[in-house]
Amino acid sequence: MGFRGVFEREGAEYLLEGMVKEVREEVIAHGADLFALEHRLTLVVNVRAVQVVQGRLLWKEEGLIESASYFAGRDFQYTESNRRAAIP
């Protein structure tokens, strides 16, 4: 699964670029029947901001990490909708 896109606004003063370097998913809670009840989704990203006119790098950060947990169930649609909502 993935998304790649470019969104431009003519005359923009700043450009914000980002790249997802890693996606990790792990089970963090099980039910009595050992069915996974909660997962943790972790994204590792590189981000940079550039001043468009001068091409000057304003800010750069590599390896930013964001995690969110979400609940799972036996219904795939329930689990997938929670997964998608975990990191907007």
Protein backbone atom coordinates (compact mmCIF):
# COMPACT_ATOMS: atom_id res chain seq x y z
CA MET A 1 0.00 0.00 0.00
CA GLY A 2 1.29 3.43 -0.70
CA PHE A 3 0.65 6.89 -1.99
CA ARG A 4 2.80 9.19 -4.01
CA GLY A 5 1.74 12.58 -5.20
CA VAL A 6 2.77 16.09 -5.99
CA PHE A 7 0.58 19.03 -5.12
CA GLU A 8 1.65 22.40 -6.43
CA ARG A 9 0.35 25.86 -5.83
CA GLU A 10 1.62 28.41 -8.27
CA GLY A 11 3.47 31.18 -6.48
CA ALA A 12 4.05 29.13 -3.32
CA GLU A 13 6.86 30.45 -1.14
CA TYR A 14 7.74 27.20 0.58
CA LEU A 15 7.97 23.55 -0.42
CA LEU A 16 7.44 20.80 2.11
CA GLU A 17 8.71 17.35 1.08
CA GLY A 18 8.48 14.08 2.91
CA MET A 19 9.31 10.45 2.42
CA VAL A 20 8.10 7.46 4.40
CA LYS A 21 11.22 5.39 5.07
CA GLU A 22 9.71 2.58 7.12
CA VAL A 23 6.34 1.25 8.27
CA ARG A 24 6.24 -1.14 11.22
CA GLU A 25 3.24 -2.89 12.66
CA GLU A 26 3.18 -5.01 15.78
CA VAL A 27 0.60 -6.70 17.97
CA ILE A 28 0.55 -5.18 21.47
CA ALA A 29 -2.47 -6.91 23.04
CA HIS A 30 -4.10 -10.32 22.73
CA GLY A 31 -7.43 -11.67 23.92
CA ALA A 32 -7.85 -14.82 26.00
CA ASP A 33 -8.07 -16.80 22.74
CA LEU A 34 -4.72 -15.25 21.60
CA PHE A 35 -6.49 -13.26 18.87
CA ALA A 36 -4.76 -9.90 18.31
CA LEU A 37 -6.89 -7.13 19.85
CA GLU A 38 -4.60 -4.12 19.52
CA HIS A 39 -1.84 -3.21 17.10
CA ARG A 40 0.76 -0.43 17.03
CA LEU A 41 1.52 1.22 13.69
CA THR A 42 4.84 3.10 13.50
CA LEU A 43 6.00 5.36 10.65
CA VAL A 44 9.55 6.59 10.15
CA VAL A 45 9.77 9.62 7.85
CA ASN A 46 12.22 12.16 6.45
CA VAL A 47 10.91 15.72 6.06
CA ARG A 48 12.36 18.95 4.71
CA ALA A 49 11.15 22.49 4.08
CA VAL A 50 12.67 24.61 1.30
CA GLN A 51 12.19 28.28 0.44
CA VAL A 52 11.13 28.06 -3.23
CA VAL A 53 12.47 31.36 -4.62
CA GLN A 54 16.00 31.06 -3.25
CA GLY A 55 16.07 27.26 -3.00
CA ARG A 56 17.29 27.64 0.56
CA LEU A 57 16.85 24.71 2.92
CA LEU A 58 14.94 25.97 5.97
CA TRP A 59 14.52 22.77 7.94
CA LYS A 60 15.38 19.11 7.56
CA GLU A 61 14.71 16.19 9.83
CA GLU A 62 15.48 12.56 9.14
CA GLY A 63 14.14 9.58 10.99
CA LEU A 64 11.12 11.22 12.60
CA ILE A 65 9.03 8.54 14.27
CA GLU A 66 5.29 8.59 14.92
CA SER A 67 3.33 5.72 16.46
CA ALA A 68 -0.35 5.12 17.06
CA SER A 69 -2.26 2.13 18.28
CA TYR A 70 -5.54 0.83 16.94
CA PHE A 71 -8.02 -1.87 17.88
CA ALA A 72 -8.59 -4.98 15.82
CA GLY A 73 -11.48 -7.38 15.51
CA ARG A 74 -12.52 -10.41 13.54
CA ASP A 75 -14.24 -8.12 11.03
CA PHE A 76 -11.66 -7.01 8.44
CA GLN A 77 -13.49 -3.76 7.66
CA TYR A 78 -13.55 -2.75 11.33
CA THR A 79 -9.84 -3.45 11.72
CA GLU A 80 -8.85 -1.75 8.47
CA SER A 81 -10.89 1.39 9.18
CA ASN A 82 -9.24 1.65 12.61
CA ARG A 83 -5.82 1.14 11.01
CA ARG A 84 -6.43 3.92 8.48
CA ALA A 85 -7.60 6.28 11.21
CA ALA A 86 -4.56 5.56 13.43
CA ILE A 87 -2.24 7.98 11.63
CA PRO A 88 -4.15 10.58 9.61
